[in-house]
Protein backbone atom coordinates (compact mmCIF):
# COMPACT_ATOMS: atom_id res chain seq x y z
CA MET A 1 -8.79 -5.75 -23.60
CA VAL A 2 -10.93 -5.87 -20.51
CA PRO A 3 -11.90 -2.46 -19.18
CA PHE A 4 -11.02 -1.33 -15.73
CA PHE A 5 -13.60 -2.89 -13.33
CA ASP A 6 -15.58 -0.14 -11.70
CA ALA A 7 -16.90 -1.72 -8.59
CA SER A 8 -18.91 1.29 -7.59
CA ARG A 9 -21.40 0.92 -10.34
CA HIS A 10 -22.49 -2.43 -8.94
CA TYR A 11 -22.96 -1.25 -5.33
CA SER A 12 -25.54 0.69 -3.45
CA LYS A 13 -25.67 1.71 0.22
CA HIS A 14 -28.04 -1.07 1.00
CA ASP A 15 -26.04 -4.06 -0.17
CA ASP A 16 -26.96 -7.55 1.18
CA LEU A 17 -25.03 -10.81 0.96
CA GLU A 18 -26.69 -11.76 -2.38
CA SER A 19 -25.65 -8.54 -4.03
CA ILE A 20 -22.16 -8.79 -2.81
CA GLU A 21 -21.88 -12.45 -4.09
CA ALA A 22 -23.27 -11.14 -7.39
CA MET A 23 -20.70 -8.41 -7.39
CA LEU A 24 -17.83 -10.89 -6.88
CA GLN A 25 -19.23 -13.01 -9.72
CA ILE A 26 -19.45 -9.97 -11.99
CA TRP A 27 -15.87 -9.08 -11.08
CA ARG A 28 -14.66 -12.59 -11.89
CA ASN A 29 -16.55 -12.69 -15.23
CA GLU A 30 -15.15 -9.24 -16.32
CA THR A 31 -11.67 -9.98 -15.29
CA GLU A 32 -11.53 -13.52 -16.68
CA SER A 33 -13.43 -12.92 -19.85
CA ASP A 34 -10.27 -12.48 -21.83
CA ALA A 35 -7.31 -14.52 -20.72
CA ASN A 36 -4.90 -12.35 -22.66
CA ALA A 37 -6.25 -9.06 -21.33
CA ASP A 38 -3.71 -6.51 -20.50
CA MET A 39 -4.96 -5.50 -17.03
CA GLY A 40 -2.46 -3.89 -14.58
CA MET A 41 -2.10 -5.51 -11.19
CA SER A 42 -3.22 -2.29 -9.54
CA ASP A 43 -6.63 -2.47 -11.39
CA LEU A 44 -7.17 -5.95 -9.95
CA GLN A 45 -5.94 -5.09 -6.58
CA GLY A 46 -8.15 -1.96 -6.47
CA ALA A 47 -11.32 -3.98 -7.39
CA MET A 48 -10.44 -6.73 -4.88
CA ALA A 49 -9.85 -4.12 -2.11
CA TYR A 50 -12.99 -2.32 -2.80
CA VAL A 51 -15.10 -5.53 -2.61
CA PHE A 52 -13.29 -6.74 0.48
CA CYS A 53 -13.73 -3.42 2.30
CA ARG A 54 -17.30 -3.06 1.14
CA ALA A 55 -18.15 -6.54 2.46
CA VAL A 56 -16.51 -5.88 5.78
CA TYR A 57 -18.40 -2.63 5.97
CA CYS A 58 -21.62 -4.36 5.35
CA GLY A 59 -20.80 -7.13 7.95
CA GLN A 60 -20.95 -9.84 5.34
CA GLU A 61 -18.58 -12.39 6.78
CA ALA A 62 -19.39 -15.02 4.09
CA ALA A 63 -18.55 -12.56 1.35
CA VAL A 64 -15.34 -11.74 3.10
CA ARG A 65 -14.48 -15.44 3.24
CA MET A 66 -15.43 -15.90 -0.44
CA MET A 67 -13.16 -13.05 -1.43
CA LEU A 68 -10.20 -14.44 0.57
CA ASP A 69 -10.68 -17.85 -1.17
CA ALA A 70 -10.91 -16.31 -4.63
């Protein structure tokens, strides 16, 4: 079972585009590592919402587009 993805452990107040992109890749790796994982949709939605909002807050338009395309 894939553990709940804790987005906060990968972020700092001084994020840049590279760290946000790395964060998205970490999220994808953790959520896709077990195709049969029993993750609730709320867990996935929570992680996605956090990444999206954080990217918007940091003004990283490329990361926002990347999230929307994911």
